[in-house]
Amino acid sequence: MKKKPLQVRVKLEAKLNPSEDPAKLVKALVNILGERYSDDVIVEGGYVWAQAEGLDALAVVYEQIRSRRTMAVLRRLLLRARRDNRSYVYINRQAAYIGLMVFAETEEESPLGPIRLELESNDINGLIEWLVPRKEIFRS
């Protein structure tokens, strides 16, 4: 039997602090999703958020975690937060603003509040394995 293609929805969301420049938070989200998704970032009701579909929406995350060797951390956090067909992880917003992926275990670890990266898939375990394969972690 043929395996179904991996369907992926990526959602980013962060609360906009009253003293914060919305453009900086928009830039942080674009740095996570990639420039091609810049028109998909929305500022609304005290939040900045974006949603995209497909593995392409994770291309920046995919590349960054390999270059910074943070795969084991991301895998552990995604597996721990997995529920039904979803999982999530928190990303430090100041790091994202300058183009880095720094993952947090709790919301409190990010002083201004984190960016929540939520993944939804028809095969969440397959998506996590694609993004952070166990065999690559142990090879490092």
Protein backbone atom coordinates (compact mmCIF):
# COMPACT_ATOMS: atom_id res chain seq x y z
CA MET A 1 0.00 0.00 0.00
CA LYS A 2 1.28 3.44 -0.94
CA LYS A 3 1.93 5.89 1.89
CA LYS A 4 -0.10 9.11 1.80
CA PRO A 5 1.88 12.26 1.00
CA LEU A 6 2.78 14.31 4.05
CA GLN A 7 0.30 17.15 4.50
CA VAL A 8 1.57 19.97 6.70
CA ARG A 9 0.12 23.15 8.15
CA VAL A 10 2.47 25.53 9.93
CA LYS A 11 1.16 28.26 12.22
CA LEU A 12 3.21 30.93 13.95
CA GLU A 13 1.74 33.16 16.64
CA ALA A 14 3.10 35.71 19.11
CA LYS A 15 1.48 38.21 21.42
CA LEU A 16 2.39 41.79 20.56
CA ASN A 17 3.54 43.67 23.64
CA PRO A 18 2.21 47.28 23.99
CA SER A 19 5.70 48.82 23.78
CA GLU A 20 6.83 46.59 20.91
CA ASP A 21 7.24 47.65 17.29
CA PRO A 22 4.94 45.36 15.22
CA ALA A 23 7.37 45.51 12.27
CA LYS A 24 10.08 43.83 14.36
CA LEU A 25 7.79 40.96 15.31
CA VAL A 26 6.66 40.61 11.69
CA LYS A 27 10.34 40.38 10.69
CA ALA A 28 10.91 37.66 13.31
CA LEU A 29 8.05 35.56 11.87
CA VAL A 30 9.27 36.10 8.30
CA ASN A 31 12.74 34.98 9.40
CA ILE A 32 11.20 31.69 10.57
CA LEU A 33 8.92 31.05 7.57
CA GLY A 34 11.08 32.58 4.87
CA GLU A 35 10.78 35.70 2.76
CA ARG A 36 8.31 34.15 0.32
CA TYR A 37 5.72 34.11 3.13
CA SER A 38 6.13 37.78 4.11
CA ASP A 39 2.68 38.69 2.73
CA ASP A 40 1.09 35.98 4.91
CA VAL A 41 2.04 37.61 8.23
CA ILE A 42 -0.91 39.35 9.89
CA VAL A 43 -1.00 41.87 12.75
CA GLU A 44 -4.39 41.70 14.41
CA GLY A 45 -5.95 42.03 17.86
CA GLY A 46 -2.69 42.28 19.80
CA TYR A 47 -1.14 39.29 18.00
CA VAL A 48 1.13 38.71 15.04
CA TRP A 49 0.53 35.44 13.26
CA ALA A 50 0.99 33.57 10.02
CA GLN A 51 -0.13 30.30 8.55
CA ALA A 52 1.32 28.34 5.65
CA GLU A 53 0.96 24.88 4.16
CA GLY A 54 3.49 22.40 2.86
CA LEU A 55 7.00 21.34 3.77
CA ASP A 56 8.38 24.48 2.09
CA ALA A 57 7.06 26.47 5.05
CA LEU A 58 9.60 24.62 7.23
CA ALA A 59 12.59 25.08 4.90
CA VAL A 60 14.26 27.77 7.04
CA VAL A 61 13.76 25.78 10.24
CA TYR A 62 15.04 22.64 8.51
CA GLU A 63 18.25 24.33 7.37
CA GLN A 64 18.89 26.27 10.58
CA ILE A 65 18.63 23.32 12.93
CA ARG A 66 21.18 21.42 10.88
CA SER A 67 23.67 24.27 10.75
CA ARG A 68 23.33 25.06 14.47
CA ARG A 69 23.13 21.44 15.67
CA THR A 70 19.92 21.92 17.62
CA MET A 71 18.15 18.89 16.18
CA ALA A 72 18.14 16.86 19.39
CA VAL A 73 16.56 19.70 21.37
CA LEU A 74 13.88 20.33 18.75
CA ARG A 75 13.07 16.63 18.46
CA ARG A 76 12.68 16.26 22.22
CA LEU A 77 10.42 19.32 22.47
CA LEU A 78 8.22 18.31 19.53
CA LEU A 79 7.80 14.75 20.79
CA ARG A 80 6.94 15.98 24.28
CA ALA A 81 4.31 18.46 22.98
CA ARG A 82 2.73 16.03 20.49
CA ARG A 83 -1.06 15.64 20.77
CA ASP A 84 -3.19 13.91 18.15
CA ASN A 85 -2.08 15.33 14.80
CA ARG A 86 -0.29 18.40 16.22
CA SER A 87 2.80 19.49 18.03
CA TYR A 88 4.37 22.82 18.92
CA VAL A 89 7.54 24.46 20.09
CA TYR A 90 8.41 27.92 21.43
CA ILE A 91 11.00 30.08 19.67
CA ASN A 92 12.76 33.03 21.27
CA ARG A 93 11.49 36.13 19.48
CA GLN A 94 14.67 38.23 19.87
CA ALA A 95 16.75 35.44 18.36
CA ALA A 96 14.22 34.99 15.52
CA TYR A 97 14.44 38.73 14.80
CA ILE A 98 18.14 38.37 14.02
CA GLY A 99 17.56 35.16 12.06
CA LEU A 100 18.42 32.49 14.64
CA MET A 101 16.35 29.56 15.94
CA VAL A 102 16.57 29.36 19.72
CA PHE A 103 14.02 26.98 21.19
CA ALA A 104 12.48 27.36 24.64
CA GLU A 105 10.88 24.70 26.80
CA THR A 106 8.46 27.15 28.43
CA GLU A 107 6.94 30.51 27.60
CA GLU A 108 8.79 32.08 30.52
CA GLU A 109 12.20 31.38 28.96
CA SER A 110 11.62 34.13 26.41
CA PRO A 111 11.65 37.53 28.19
CA LEU A 112 9.23 39.27 25.80
CA GLY A 113 7.19 36.11 25.29
CA PRO A 114 7.91 33.43 22.70
CA ILE A 115 6.76 32.80 19.19
CA ARG A 116 4.71 29.62 19.14
CA LEU A 117 5.40 27.40 16.14
CA GLU A 118 2.59 24.88 15.74
CA LEU A 119 2.76 21.97 13.33
CA GLU A 120 -0.26 20.04 12.13
CA SER A 121 -0.04 17.02 9.86
CA ASN A 122 -1.87 13.93 8.67
CA ASP A 123 1.21 12.10 10.04
CA ILE A 124 2.72 14.12 12.89
CA ASN A 125 5.23 11.38 13.74
CA GLY A 126 6.34 11.24 10.10
CA LEU A 127 6.68 15.03 10.01
CA ILE A 128 8.82 15.08 13.16
CA GLU A 129 10.96 12.26 11.72
CA TRP A 130 11.40 14.22 8.45
CA LEU A 131 12.32 17.43 10.27
CA VAL A 132 14.58 15.91 12.93
CA PRO A 133 15.40 12.29 12.04
CA ARG A 134 16.61 10.16 14.93
CA LYS A 135 19.42 8.65 12.81
CA GLU A 136 20.92 12.10 12.04
CA ILE A 137 20.89 13.10 15.71
CA PHE A 138 22.88 10.07 16.77
CA ARG A 139 25.30 10.47 13.85
CA SER A 140 26.41 13.95 14.99
